[in-house]
């Protein structure tokens, strides 16, 4: 598994679709919960959010579904920080299914934006120095690890397209 372990969860029965595997929306739920774990890891926890009214918003998400996840699996999520600046984090998540043959089940890239929520508006906000340091530390820790899953790419139809 590439990246830093950040989150794990059993697969709940209600997450399984009529094909007998994890419904696509629940991959995103698991990745969203992994983002919450990332926030806790870098100091943007519930106390920080309550004290500062700052949080992360997801502004873009690309996901690759690689292999089925079954009811008997456990989902493990690893994270890599691909880039960051004073108010954004570009993160990659790898969701691996546990079980008899661990296998990458999904890969996702997400762009997260640090914002301050005000009564009637939301404004972007710079990370505090201690959060910047935690992001840099996490980025360095995963930097030497190999990438095991594909990165995002532009989605398009190629070749012969039908015209209406």
Foldseek 3Di string as FASTA:
>chain_A
DAAAWQDKFQADPVQADPVQFGDPVVVVVRVVVSVQSVCVQLPNHPVVCVVQQKDKDWPDKDKDFDDTHHNGWMWIKHKAFPDDDFFKTWMKIWIWTDDPDIDTGMIMIIIIGMWHDDDPDIGGDGDPPSSVVSNVVRNVVRVVTDDDDDDDDDDDDDDDDDDD
